[in-house]
Each structure stands twice: as C-alpha cells, then as structure tokens.
Amino acid sequence: MIDSFDSFEVERVAKKKIREKIRLFDIELRMLTSQKCYQAVMIDETYTILLIQESEIYINDELQISAMNIRIDILSQQQHMLKRVVINDISQLHHVRKKHHEKVFI
C-alpha cells in the first residue's frame, strides 16, 4: 500500500513492478501503464491497482468475477464510511440545534 495522494510515488512503484514482470490492471481488468495508473484509479474512485504476474495473466470468468467482487467490496466500504460521516455530521448538527433551542427558551 502506498500514499494514494502522491502520483509520483504511485508511478515509481508501478514502474518497479513492471520491471519485475508484474502487470497493472484497474478493477475492470483493463491493463494500465505506469503513467496512467494513478489517474485511472482516482477517476474510478476505487484507489485500487491489481497486480498480476505477467506469466499468470489469463483473464477468465473466475478472474472477472473476483475483480467484480473486489470492486463491490471497495464501493461498499466507501459507502459505509460515507454513511458514518453523514451520521456523525447529523448528530453534531442536532446537538448544535438543541443547544441553540435551549438558549432561546431559557
């Protein structure tokens, strides 16, 4: 895992993996270049690059289902985190309004 906000670090690690005969794919199993992998995973909002050994690349139904399940898990986790943030924001807003109303009626 690397810092997803540092595109230069992502590209550096991607180039290293390519030299090690590892290929980069997005969650839709599209092959990525080291220069484009950062942008691709930021756009699809999964922030996930799949690494597959060059000698083992064989995209079949099982791999496609596995990639789809990874995407579903990632998006579910993101949705859960977003829901938690929204609930916390609503809770804080409720406390602010409650304090405001208490002051008004006292």
PDB file of N, CA and C in Angstrom:
ATOM      1  N   MET A   1       0.849  -1.175   0.000  1.00  0.00           N
ATOM      2  CA  MET A   1       0.000   0.000   0.000  1.00  0.00           C
ATOM      3  C   MET A   1       0.897   1.241   0.000  1.00  0.00           C
ATOM      4  N   ILE A   2       0.507   2.206  -0.795  1.00  0.00           N
ATOM      5  CA  ILE A   2       1.277   3.444  -0.863  1.00  0.00           C
ATOM      6  C   ILE A   2       0.334   4.633  -0.733  1.00  0.00           C
ATOM      7  N   ASP A   3       0.893   5.788  -0.504  1.00  0.00           N
ATOM      8  CA  ASP A   3       0.115   7.010  -0.338  1.00  0.00           C
ATOM      9  C   ASP A   3      -0.608   7.342  -1.638  1.00  0.00           C
ATOM     10  N   SER A   4      -1.934   7.287  -1.592  1.00  0.00           N
ATOM     11  CA  SER A   4      -2.722   7.497  -2.817  1.00  0.00           C
ATOM     12  C   SER A   4      -2.729   8.944  -3.290  1.00  0.00           C
ATOM     13  N   PHE A   5      -2.198   9.857  -2.505  1.00  0.00           N
ATOM     14  CA  PHE A   5      -2.197  11.261  -2.903  1.00  0.00           C
ATOM     15  C   PHE A   5      -0.896  11.672  -3.580  1.00  0.00           C
ATOM     16  N   ASP A   6       0.054  10.762  -3.675  1.00  0.00           N
ATOM     17  CA  ASP A   6       1.347  11.067  -4.277  1.00  0.00           C
ATOM     18  C   ASP A   6       1.454  10.346  -5.616  1.00  0.00           C
ATOM     19  N   SER A   7       1.079  11.024  -6.699  1.00  0.00           N
ATOM     20  CA  SER A   7       1.066  10.394  -8.025  1.00  0.00           C
ATOM     21  C   SER A   7       2.467   9.966  -8.465  1.00  0.00           C
ATOM     22  N   PHE A   8       3.491  10.698  -8.057  1.00  0.00           N
ATOM     23  CA  PHE A   8       4.855  10.340  -8.432  1.00  0.00           C
ATOM     24  C   PHE A   8       5.286   9.040  -7.762  1.00  0.00           C
ATOM     25  N   GLU A   9       4.888   8.849  -6.518  1.00  0.00           N
ATOM     26  CA  GLU A   9       5.211   7.609  -5.805  1.00  0.00           C
ATOM     27  C   GLU A   9       4.470   6.426  -6.427  1.00  0.00           C
ATOM     28  N   VAL A  10       3.217   6.622  -6.797  1.00  0.00           N
ATOM     29  CA  VAL A  10       2.443   5.570  -7.455  1.00  0.00           C
ATOM     30  C   VAL A  10       3.128   5.181  -8.766  1.00  0.00           C
ATOM     31  N   GLU A  11       3.523   6.156  -9.539  1.00  0.00           N
ATOM     32  CA  GLU A  11       4.183   5.877 -10.821  1.00  0.00           C
ATOM     33  C   GLU A  11       5.522   5.180 -10.609  1.00  0.00           C
ATOM     34  N   ARG A  12       6.272   5.597  -9.610  1.00  0.00           N
ATOM     35  CA  ARG A  12       7.576   4.984  -9.316  1.00  0.00           C
ATOM     36  C   ARG A  12       7.408   3.504  -8.963  1.00  0.00           C
ATOM     37  N   VAL A  13       6.462   3.204  -8.090  1.00  0.00           N
ATOM     38  CA  VAL A  13       6.223   1.815  -7.688  1.00  0.00           C
ATOM     39  C   VAL A  13       5.686   1.012  -8.871  1.00  0.00           C
ATOM     40  N   ALA A  14       4.821   1.612  -9.669  1.00  0.00           N
ATOM     41  CA  ALA A  14       4.267   0.930 -10.843  1.00  0.00           C
ATOM     42  C   ALA A  14       5.385   0.548 -11.820  1.00  0.00           C
ATOM     43  N   LYS A  15       6.307   1.464 -12.067  1.00  0.00           N
ATOM     44  CA  LYS A  15       7.426   1.161 -12.965  1.00  0.00           C
ATOM     45  C   LYS A  15       8.279   0.019 -12.418  1.00  0.00           C
ATOM     46  N   LYS A  16       8.496   0.031 -11.110  1.00  0.00           N
ATOM     47  CA  LYS A  16       9.270  -1.039 -10.473  1.00  0.00           C
ATOM     48  C   LYS A  16       8.571  -2.383 -10.670  1.00  0.00           C
ATOM     49  N   LYS A  17       7.265  -2.419 -10.480  1.00  0.00           N
ATOM     50  CA  LYS A  17       6.503  -3.662 -10.640  1.00  0.00           C
ATOM     51  C   LYS A  17       6.556  -4.146 -12.089  1.00  0.00           C
ATOM     52  N   ILE A  18       6.480  -3.239 -13.036  1.00  0.00           N
ATOM     53  CA  ILE A  18       6.546  -3.610 -14.450  1.00  0.00           C
ATOM     54  C   ILE A  18       7.911  -4.232 -14.767  1.00  0.00           C
ATOM     55  N   ARG A  19       8.983  -3.656 -14.200  1.00  0.00           N
ATOM     56  CA  ARG A  19      10.319  -4.243 -14.402  1.00  0.00           C
ATOM     57  C   ARG A  19      10.409  -5.646 -13.803  1.00  0.00           C
ATOM     58  N   GLU A  20       9.601  -5.912 -12.775  1.00  0.00           N
ATOM     59  CA  GLU A  20       9.563  -7.236 -12.144  1.00  0.00           C
ATOM     60  C   GLU A  20       8.612  -8.184 -12.886  1.00  0.00           C
ATOM     61  N   LYS A  21       8.177  -7.776 -14.067  1.00  0.00           N
ATOM     62  CA  LYS A  21       7.266  -8.562 -14.914  1.00  0.00           C
ATOM     63  C   LYS A  21       5.897  -8.752 -14.266  1.00  0.00           C
ATOM     64  N   ILE A  22       5.453  -7.722 -13.577  1.00  0.00           N
ATOM     65  CA  ILE A  22       4.114  -7.688 -12.996  1.00  0.00           C
ATOM     66  C   ILE A  22       3.322  -6.640 -13.760  1.00  0.00           C
ATOM     67  N   ARG A  23       2.136  -6.982 -14.174  1.00  0.00           N
ATOM     68  CA  ARG A  23       1.299  -6.053 -14.938  1.00  0.00           C
ATOM     69  C   ARG A  23       0.255  -5.420 -14.034  1.00  0.00           C
ATOM     70  N   LEU A  24      -0.141  -4.221 -14.415  1.00  0.00           N
ATOM     71  CA  LEU A  24      -1.060  -3.403 -13.625  1.00  0.00           C
ATOM     72  C   LEU A  24      -2.426  -3.389 -14.307  1.00  0.00           C
ATOM     73  N   PHE A  25      -3.466  -3.588 -13.516  1.00  0.00           N
ATOM     74  CA  PHE A  25      -4.830  -3.559 -14.024  1.00  0.00           C
ATOM     75  C   PHE A  25      -5.697  -2.736 -13.097  1.00  0.00           C
ATOM     76  N   ASP A  26      -6.720  -2.107 -13.669  1.00  0.00           N
ATOM     77  CA  ASP A  26      -7.719  -1.479 -12.813  1.00  0.00           C
ATOM     78  C   ASP A  26      -8.729  -2.550 -12.414  1.00  0.00           C
ATOM     79  N   ILE A  27      -9.717  -2.171 -11.643  1.00  0.00           N
ATOM     80  CA  ILE A  27     -10.684  -3.122 -11.119  1.00  0.00           C
ATOM     81  C   ILE A  27     -11.599  -3.693 -12.207  1.00  0.00           C
ATOM     82  N   GLU A  28     -11.598  -3.054 -13.378  1.00  0.00           N
ATOM     83  CA  GLU A  28     -12.379  -3.554 -14.524  1.00  0.00           C
ATOM     84  C   GLU A  28     -11.519  -4.451 -15.414  1.00  0.00           C
ATOM     85  N   LEU A  29     -10.316  -4.782 -14.939  1.00  0.00           N
ATOM     86  CA  LEU A  29      -9.345  -5.635 -15.634  1.00  0.00           C
ATOM     87  C   LEU A  29      -8.824  -5.014 -16.933  1.00  0.00           C
ATOM     88  N   ARG A  30      -8.722  -3.694 -16.946  1.00  0.00           N
ATOM     89  CA  ARG A  30      -8.081  -3.005 -18.068  1.00  0.00           C
ATOM     90  C   ARG A  30      -6.617  -2.790 -17.693  1.00  0.00           C
ATOM     91  N   MET A  31      -5.730  -3.174 -18.601  1.00  0.00           N
ATOM     92  CA  MET A  31      -4.308  -3.026 -18.323  1.00  0.00           C
ATOM     93  C   MET A  31      -3.948  -1.540 -18.268  1.00  0.00           C
ATOM     94  N   LEU A  32      -3.094  -1.198 -17.307  1.00  0.00           N
ATOM     95  CA  LEU A  32      -2.701   0.187 -17.089  1.00  0.00           C
ATOM     96  C   LEU A  32      -1.216   0.371 -17.341  1.00  0.00           C
ATOM     97  N   THR A  33      -0.846   1.547 -17.806  1.00  0.00           N
ATOM     98  CA  THR A  33       0.566   1.911 -17.883  1.00  0.00           C
ATOM     99  C   THR A  33       0.949   2.562 -16.562  1.00  0.00           C
ATOM    100  N   SER A  34       2.232   2.616 -16.298  1.00  0.00           N
ATOM    101  CA  SER A  34       2.678   3.241 -15.052  1.00  0.00           C
ATOM    102  C   SER A  34       2.296   4.716 -15.010  1.00  0.00           C
ATOM    103  N   GLN A  35       2.271   5.361 -16.184  1.00  0.00           N
ATOM    104  CA  GLN A  35       1.944   6.784 -16.241  1.00  0.00           C
ATOM    105  C   GLN A  35       0.451   7.045 -16.024  1.00  0.00           C
ATOM    106  N   LYS A  36      -0.392   6.095 -16.376  1.00  0.00           N
ATOM    107  CA  LYS A  36      -1.840   6.314 -16.322  1.00  0.00           C
ATOM    108  C   LYS A  36      -2.529   5.638 -15.136  1.00  0.00           C
ATOM    109  N   CYS A  37      -1.812   4.802 -14.377  1.00  0.00           N
ATOM    110  CA  CYS A  37      -2.495   4.038 -13.334  1.00  0.00           C
ATOM    111  C   CYS A  37      -3.045   4.929 -12.225  1.00  0.00           C
ATOM    112  N   TYR A  38      -2.310   5.949 -11.837  1.00  0.00           N
ATOM    113  CA  TYR A  38      -2.791   6.836 -10.774  1.00  0.00           C
ATOM    114  C   TYR A  38      -4.093   7.511 -11.183  1.00  0.00           C
ATOM    115  N   GLN A  39      -4.096   8.096 -12.352  1.00  0.00           N
ATOM    116  CA  GLN A  39      -5.283   8.804 -12.835  1.00  0.00           C
ATOM    117  C   GLN A  39      -6.475   7.859 -12.969  1.00  0.00           C
ATOM    118  N   ALA A  40      -6.225   6.652 -13.475  1.00  0.00           N
ATOM    119  CA  ALA A  40      -7.311   5.699 -13.703  1.00  0.00           C
ATOM    120  C   ALA A  40      -8.003   5.302 -12.400  1.00  0.00           C
ATOM    121  N   VAL A  41      -7.233   5.016 -11.371  1.00  0.00           N
ATOM    122  CA  VAL A  41      -7.854   4.571 -10.114  1.00  0.00           C
ATOM    123  C   VAL A  41      -8.431   5.734  -9.306  1.00  0.00           C
ATOM    124  N   MET A  42      -7.965   6.938  -9.559  1.00  0.00           N
ATOM    125  CA  MET A  42      -8.582   8.097  -8.914  1.00  0.00           C
ATOM    126  C   MET A  42      -9.929   8.402  -9.560  1.00  0.00           C
ATOM    127  N   ILE A  43     -10.009   8.245 -10.875  1.00  0.00           N
ATOM    128  CA  ILE A  43     -11.260   8.515 -11.587  1.00  0.00           C
ATOM    129  C   ILE A  43     -12.332   7.507 -11.203  1.00  0.00           C
ATOM    130  N   ASP A  44     -11.957   6.203 -11.115  1.00  0.00           N
ATOM    131  CA  ASP A  44     -12.977   5.202 -10.784  1.00  0.00           C
ATOM    132  C   ASP A  44     -13.259   5.130  -9.282  1.00  0.00           C
ATOM    133  N   GLU A  45     -12.506   5.891  -8.498  1.00  0.00           N
ATOM    134  CA  GLU A  45     -12.693   6.050  -7.060  1.00  0.00           C
ATOM    135  C   GLU A  45     -12.550   4.762  -6.256  1.00  0.00           C
ATOM    136  N   THR A  46     -11.874   3.759  -6.823  1.00  0.00           N
ATOM    137  CA  THR A  46     -11.598   2.554  -6.053  1.00  0.00           C
ATOM    138  C   THR A  46     -10.231   2.644  -5.392  1.00  0.00           C
ATOM    139  N   TYR A  47      -9.358   3.456  -5.955  1.00  0.00           N
ATOM    140  CA  TYR A  47      -7.998   3.641  -5.458  1.00  0.00           C
ATOM    141  C   TYR A  47      -7.275   2.288  -5.371  1.00  0.00           C
ATOM    142  N   THR A  48      -7.591   1.401  -6.321  1.00  0.00           N
ATOM    143  CA  THR A  48      -7.061   0.042  -6.297  1.00  0.00           C
ATOM    144  C   THR A  48      -6.418  -0.301  -7.629  1.00  0.00           C
ATOM    145  N   ILE A  49      -5.192  -0.790  -7.552  1.00  0.00           N
ATOM    146  CA  ILE A  49      -4.476  -1.281  -8.725  1.00  0.00           C
ATOM    147  C   ILE A  49      -4.232  -2.770  -8.480  1.00  0.00           C
ATOM    148  N   LEU A  50      -4.695  -3.592  -9.400  1.00  0.00           N
ATOM    149  CA  LEU A  50      -4.465  -5.025  -9.295  1.00  0.00           C
ATOM    150  C   LEU A  50      -3.118  -5.359  -9.925  1.00  0.00           C
ATOM    151  N   LEU A  51      -2.310  -6.155  -9.240  1.00  0.00           N
ATOM    152  CA  LEU A  51      -1.001  -6.560  -9.722  1.00  0.00           C
ATOM    153  C   LEU A  51      -1.065  -8.037 -10.071  1.00  0.00           C
ATOM    154  N   ILE A  52      -0.758  -8.361 -11.331  1.00  0.00           N
ATOM    155  CA  ILE A  52      -0.812  -9.752 -11.775  1.00  0.00           C
ATOM    156  C   ILE A  52       0.503 -10.092 -12.456  1.00  0.00           C
ATOM    157  N   GLN A  53       1.112 -11.184 -11.999  1.00  0.00           N
ATOM    158  CA  GLN A  53       2.354 -11.660 -12.588  1.00  0.00           C
ATOM    159  C   GLN A  53       2.136 -11.910 -14.074  1.00  0.00           C
ATOM    160  N   GLU A  54       3.039 -11.378 -14.899  1.00  0.00           N
ATOM    161  CA  GLU A  54       2.906 -11.477 -16.354  1.00  0.00           C
ATOM    162  C   GLU A  54       2.682 -12.917 -16.815  1.00  0.00           C
ATOM    163  N   SER A  55       3.398 -13.856 -16.229  1.00  0.00           N
ATOM    164  CA  SER A  55       3.304 -15.252 -16.653  1.00  0.00           C
ATOM    165  C   SER A  55       1.972 -15.900 -16.262  1.00  0.00           C
ATOM    166  N   GLU A  56       1.231 -15.239 -15.379  1.00  0.00           N
ATOM    167  CA  GLU A  56      -0.030 -15.809 -14.895  1.00  0.00           C
ATOM    168  C   GLU A  56      -1.257 -15.079 -15.427  1.00  0.00           C
ATOM    169  N   ILE A  57      -1.052 -14.189 -16.383  1.00  0.00           N
ATOM    170  CA  ILE A  57      -2.191 -13.443 -16.918  1.00  0.00           C
ATOM    171  C   ILE A  57      -3.014 -14.351 -17.811  1.00  0.00           C
ATOM    172  N   TYR A  58      -4.187 -14.625 -17.343  1.00  0.00           N
ATOM    173  CA  TYR A  58      -5.171 -15.381 -18.110  1.00  0.00           C
ATOM    174  C   TYR A  58      -6.530 -14.936 -17.591  1.00  0.00           C
ATOM    175  N   ILE A  59      -7.134 -14.015 -18.299  1.00  0.00           N
ATOM    176  CA  ILE A  59      -8.394 -13.443 -17.838  1.00  0.00           C
ATOM    177  C   ILE A  59      -9.527 -14.380 -18.244  1.00  0.00           C
ATOM    178  N   ASN A  60     -10.091 -15.020 -17.232  1.00  0.00           N
ATOM    179  CA  ASN A  60     -11.213 -15.928 -17.456  1.00  0.00           C
ATOM    180  C   ASN A  60     -12.400 -15.459 -16.604  1.00  0.00           C
ATOM    181  N   ASP A  61     -13.464 -16.239 -16.619  1.00  0.00           N
ATOM    182  CA  ASP A  61     -14.665 -15.861 -15.862  1.00  0.00           C
ATOM    183  C   ASP A  61     -14.374 -15.741 -14.372  1.00  0.00           C
ATOM    184  N   GLU A  62     -13.553 -16.640 -13.848  1.00  0.00           N
ATOM    185  CA  GLU A  62     -13.242 -16.621 -12.421  1.00  0.00           C
ATOM    186  C   GLU A  62     -12.536 -15.329 -12.027  1.00  0.00           C
ATOM    187  N   LEU A  63     -11.575 -14.898 -12.834  1.00  0.00           N
ATOM    188  CA  LEU A  63     -10.850 -13.662 -12.552  1.00  0.00           C
ATOM    189  C   LEU A  63     -11.777 -12.456 -12.670  1.00  0.00           C
ATOM    190  N   GLN A  64     -12.645 -12.462 -13.670  1.00  0.00           N
ATOM    191  CA  GLN A  64     -13.585 -11.353 -13.836  1.00  0.00           C
ATOM    192  C   GLN A  64     -14.549 -11.272 -12.650  1.00  0.00           C
ATOM    193  N   ILE A  65     -15.022 -12.405 -12.173  1.00  0.00           N
ATOM    194  CA  ILE A  65     -15.923 -12.421 -11.009  1.00  0.00           C
ATOM    195  C   ILE A  65     -15.172 -11.948  -9.771  1.00  0.00           C
ATOM    196  N   SER A  66     -13.938 -12.385  -9.626  1.00  0.00           N
ATOM    197  CA  SER A  66     -13.124 -11.958  -8.486  1.00  0.00           C
ATOM    198  C   SER A  66     -12.909 -10.445  -8.501  1.00  0.00           C
ATOM    199  N   ALA A  67     -12.592  -9.890  -9.654  1.00  0.00           N
ATOM    200  CA  ALA A  67     -12.401  -8.438  -9.778  1.00  0.00           C
ATOM    201  C   ALA A  67     -13.698  -7.699  -9.479  1.00  0.00           C
ATOM    202  N   MET A  68     -14.818  -8.228  -9.967  1.00  0.00           N
ATOM    203  CA  MET A  68     -16.111  -7.604  -9.702  1.00  0.00           C
ATOM    204  C   MET A  68     -16.414  -7.608  -8.199  1.00  0.00           C
ATOM    205  N   ASN A  69     -16.093  -8.719  -7.521  1.00  0.00           N
ATOM    206  CA  ASN A  69     -16.330  -8.803  -6.075  1.00  0.00           C
ATOM    207  C   ASN A  69     -15.438  -7.842  -5.305  1.00  0.00           C
ATOM    208  N   ILE A  70     -14.212  -7.672  -5.756  1.00  0.00           N
ATOM    209  CA  ILE A  70     -13.313  -6.698  -5.117  1.00  0.00           C
ATOM    210  C   ILE A  70     -13.905  -5.302  -5.260  1.00  0.00           C
ATOM    211  N   ARG A  71     -14.379  -4.965  -6.441  1.00  0.00           N
ATOM    212  CA  ARG A  71     -14.983  -3.651  -6.680  1.00  0.00           C
ATOM    213  C   ARG A  71     -16.200  -3.441  -5.779  1.00  0.00           C
ATOM    214  N   ILE A  72     -17.056  -4.452  -5.675  1.00  0.00           N
ATOM    215  CA  ILE A  72     -18.244  -4.358  -4.824  1.00  0.00           C
ATOM    216  C   ILE A  72     -17.839  -4.140  -3.379  1.00  0.00           C
ATOM    217  N   ASP A  73     -16.833  -4.880  -2.909  1.00  0.00           N
ATOM    218  CA  ASP A  73     -16.363  -4.720  -1.527  1.00  0.00           C
ATOM    219  C   ASP A  73     -15.812  -3.319  -1.281  1.00  0.00           C
ATOM    220  N   ILE A  74     -15.016  -2.826  -2.212  1.00  0.00           N
ATOM    221  CA  ILE A  74     -14.429  -1.488  -2.063  1.00  0.00           C
ATOM    222  C   ILE A  74     -15.519  -0.424  -2.019  1.00  0.00           C
ATOM    223  N   LEU A  75     -16.454  -0.496  -2.959  1.00  0.00           N
ATOM    224  CA  LEU A  75     -17.527   0.503  -3.008  1.00  0.00           C
ATOM    225  C   LEU A  75     -18.424   0.401  -1.776  1.00  0.00           C
ATOM    226  N   SER A  76     -18.642  -0.801  -1.278  1.00  0.00           N
ATOM    227  CA  SER A  76     -19.446  -0.991  -0.067  1.00  0.00           C
ATOM    228  C   SER A  76     -18.750  -0.365   1.140  1.00  0.00           C
ATOM    229  N   GLN A  77     -17.436  -0.570   1.245  1.00  0.00           N
ATOM    230  CA  GLN A  77     -16.675   0.033   2.336  1.00  0.00           C
ATOM    231  C   GLN A  77     -16.714   1.553   2.252  1.00  0.00           C
ATOM    232  N   GLN A  78     -16.566   2.088   1.034  1.00  0.00           N
ATOM    233  CA  GLN A  78     -16.621   3.543   0.862  1.00  0.00           C
ATOM    234  C   GLN A  78     -17.989   4.073   1.250  1.00  0.00           C
ATOM    235  N   GLN A  79     -19.040   3.361   0.860  1.00  0.00           N
ATOM    236  CA  GLN A  79     -20.400   3.789   1.179  1.00  0.00           C
ATOM    237  C   GLN A  79     -20.618   3.746   2.695  1.00  0.00           C
ATOM    238  N   HIS A  80     -20.108   2.707   3.350  1.00  0.00           N
ATOM    239  CA  HIS A  80     -20.247   2.595   4.799  1.00  0.00           C
ATOM    240  C   HIS A  80     -19.521   3.744   5.501  1.00  0.00           C
ATOM    241  N   MET A  81     -18.310   4.067   5.028  1.00  0.00           N
ATOM    242  CA  MET A  81     -17.557   5.170   5.625  1.00  0.00           C
ATOM    243  C   MET A  81     -18.281   6.494   5.407  1.00  0.00           C
ATOM    244  N   LEU A  82     -18.829   6.694   4.215  1.00  0.00           N
ATOM    245  CA  LEU A  82     -19.562   7.922   3.922  1.00  0.00           C
ATOM    246  C   LEU A  82     -20.802   8.026   4.801  1.00  0.00           C
ATOM    247  N   LYS A  83     -21.500   6.907   4.966  1.00  0.00           N
ATOM    248  CA  LYS A  83     -22.692   6.901   5.812  1.00  0.00           C
ATOM    249  C   LYS A  83     -22.331   7.276   7.250  1.00  0.00           C
ATOM    250  N   ARG A  84     -21.193   6.751   7.738  1.00  0.00           N
ATOM    251  CA  ARG A  84     -20.762   7.057   9.093  1.00  0.00           C
ATOM    252  C   ARG A  84     -20.454   8.550   9.240  1.00  0.00           C
ATOM    253  N   VAL A  85     -19.815   9.142   8.235  1.00  0.00           N
ATOM    254  CA  VAL A  85     -19.500  10.576   8.258  1.00  0.00           C
ATOM    255  C   VAL A  85     -20.793  11.386   8.271  1.00  0.00           C
ATOM    256  N   VAL A  86     -21.753  11.006   7.440  1.00  0.00           N
ATOM    257  CA  VAL A  86     -23.028  11.728   7.381  1.00  0.00           C
ATOM    258  C   VAL A  86     -23.757  11.621   8.716  1.00  0.00           C
ATOM    259  N   ILE A  87     -23.781  10.432   9.307  1.00  0.00           N
ATOM    260  CA  ILE A  87     -24.446  10.252  10.602  1.00  0.00           C
ATOM    261  C   ILE A  87     -23.772  11.109  11.665  1.00  0.00           C
ATOM    262  N   ASN A  88     -22.449  11.146  11.676  1.00  0.00           N
ATOM    263  CA  ASN A  88     -21.726  11.990  12.636  1.00  0.00           C
ATOM    264  C   ASN A  88     -22.047  13.466  12.423  1.00  0.00           C
ATOM    265  N   ASP A  89     -22.108  13.891  11.157  1.00  0.00           N
ATOM    266  CA  ASP A  89     -22.437  15.288  10.859  1.00  0.00           C
ATOM    267  C   ASP A  89     -23.847  15.627  11.332  1.00  0.00           C
ATOM    268  N   ILE A  90     -24.784  14.725  11.082  1.00  0.00           N
ATOM    269  CA  ILE A  90     -26.175  14.955  11.515  1.00  0.00           C
ATOM    270  C   ILE A  90     -26.237  15.019  13.030  1.00  0.00           C
ATOM    271  N   SER A  91     -25.518  14.120  13.687  1.00  0.00           N
ATOM    272  CA  SER A  91     -25.506  14.099  15.149  1.00  0.00           C
ATOM    273  C   SER A  91     -24.953  15.409  15.708  1.00  0.00           C
ATOM    274  N   GLN A  92     -23.871  15.902  15.133  1.00  0.00           N
ATOM    275  CA  GLN A  92     -23.289  17.161  15.600  1.00  0.00           C
ATOM    276  C   GLN A  92     -24.229  18.329  15.341  1.00  0.00           C
ATOM    277  N   LEU A  93     -24.877  18.332  14.197  1.00  0.00           N
ATOM    278  CA  LEU A  93     -25.834  19.382  13.875  1.00  0.00           C
ATOM    279  C   LEU A  93     -27.001  19.357  14.856  1.00  0.00           C
ATOM    280  N   HIS A  94     -27.455  18.162  15.205  1.00  0.00           N
ATOM    281  CA  HIS A  94     -28.558  18.025  16.162  1.00  0.00           C
ATOM    282  C   HIS A  94     -28.179  18.641  17.513  1.00  0.00           C
ATOM    283  N   HIS A  95     -26.956  18.357  17.979  1.00  0.00           N
ATOM    284  CA  HIS A  95     -26.506  18.910  19.257  1.00  0.00           C
ATOM    285  C   HIS A  95     -26.403  20.430  19.204  1.00  0.00           C
ATOM    286  N   VAL A  96     -25.941  20.958  18.094  1.00  0.00           N
ATOM    287  CA  VAL A  96     -25.843  22.412  17.944  1.00  0.00           C
ATOM    288  C   VAL A  96     -27.234  23.031  17.977  1.00  0.00           C
ATOM    289  N   ARG A  97     -28.174  22.442  17.255  1.00  0.00           N
ATOM    290  CA  ARG A  97     -29.544  22.966  17.243  1.00  0.00           C
ATOM    291  C   ARG A  97     -30.182  22.847  18.616  1.00  0.00           C
ATOM    292  N   LYS A  98     -29.947  21.731  19.283  1.00  0.00           N
ATOM    293  CA  LYS A  98     -30.508  21.525  20.611  1.00  0.00           C
ATOM    294  C   LYS A  98     -29.983  22.591  21.573  1.00  0.00           C
ATOM    295  N   LYS A  99     -28.687  22.859  21.544  1.00  0.00           N
ATOM    296  CA  LYS A  99     -28.106  23.890  22.406  1.00  0.00           C
ATOM    297  C   LYS A  99     -28.683  25.252  22.053  1.00  0.00           C
ATOM    298  N   HIS A 100     -28.848  25.523  20.757  1.00  0.00           N
ATOM    299  CA  HIS A 100     -29.397  26.796  20.312  1.00  0.00           C
ATOM    300  C   HIS A 100     -30.832  26.959  20.830  1.00  0.00           C
ATOM    301  N   HIS A 101     -31.640  25.932  20.708  1.00  0.00           N
ATOM    302  CA  HIS A 101     -33.032  25.998  21.168  1.00  0.00           C
ATOM    303  C   HIS A 101     -33.095  26.144  22.688  1.00  0.00           C
ATOM    304  N   GLU A 102     -32.203  25.477  23.420  1.00  0.00           N
ATOM    305  CA  GLU A 102     -32.192  25.610  24.878  1.00  0.00           C
ATOM    306  C   GLU A 102     -31.913  27.064  25.279  1.00  0.00           C
ATOM    307  N   LYS A 103     -30.997  27.686  24.575  1.00  0.00           N
ATOM    308  CA  LYS A 103     -30.651  29.067  24.892  1.00  0.00           C
ATOM    309  C   LYS A 103     -31.811  30.016  24.575  1.00  0.00           C
ATOM    310  N   VAL A 104     -32.529  29.718  23.518  1.00  0.00           N
ATOM    311  CA  VAL A 104     -33.627  30.574  23.121  1.00  0.00           C
ATOM    312  C   VAL A 104     -34.772  30.511  24.140  1.00  0.00           C
ATOM    313  N   PHE A 105     -35.045  29.334  24.664  1.00  0.00           N
ATOM    314  CA  PHE A 105     -36.182  29.152  25.552  1.00  0.00           C
ATOM    315  C   PHE A 105     -35.873  29.408  27.016  1.00  0.00           C
ATOM    316  N   ILE A 106     -34.636  29.655  27.374  1.00  0.00           N
ATOM    317  CA  ILE A 106     -34.300  29.868  28.782  1.00  0.00           C
ATOM    318  C   ILE A 106     -34.537  31.296  29.176  1.00  0.00           C
TER     319      ILE A 106
END
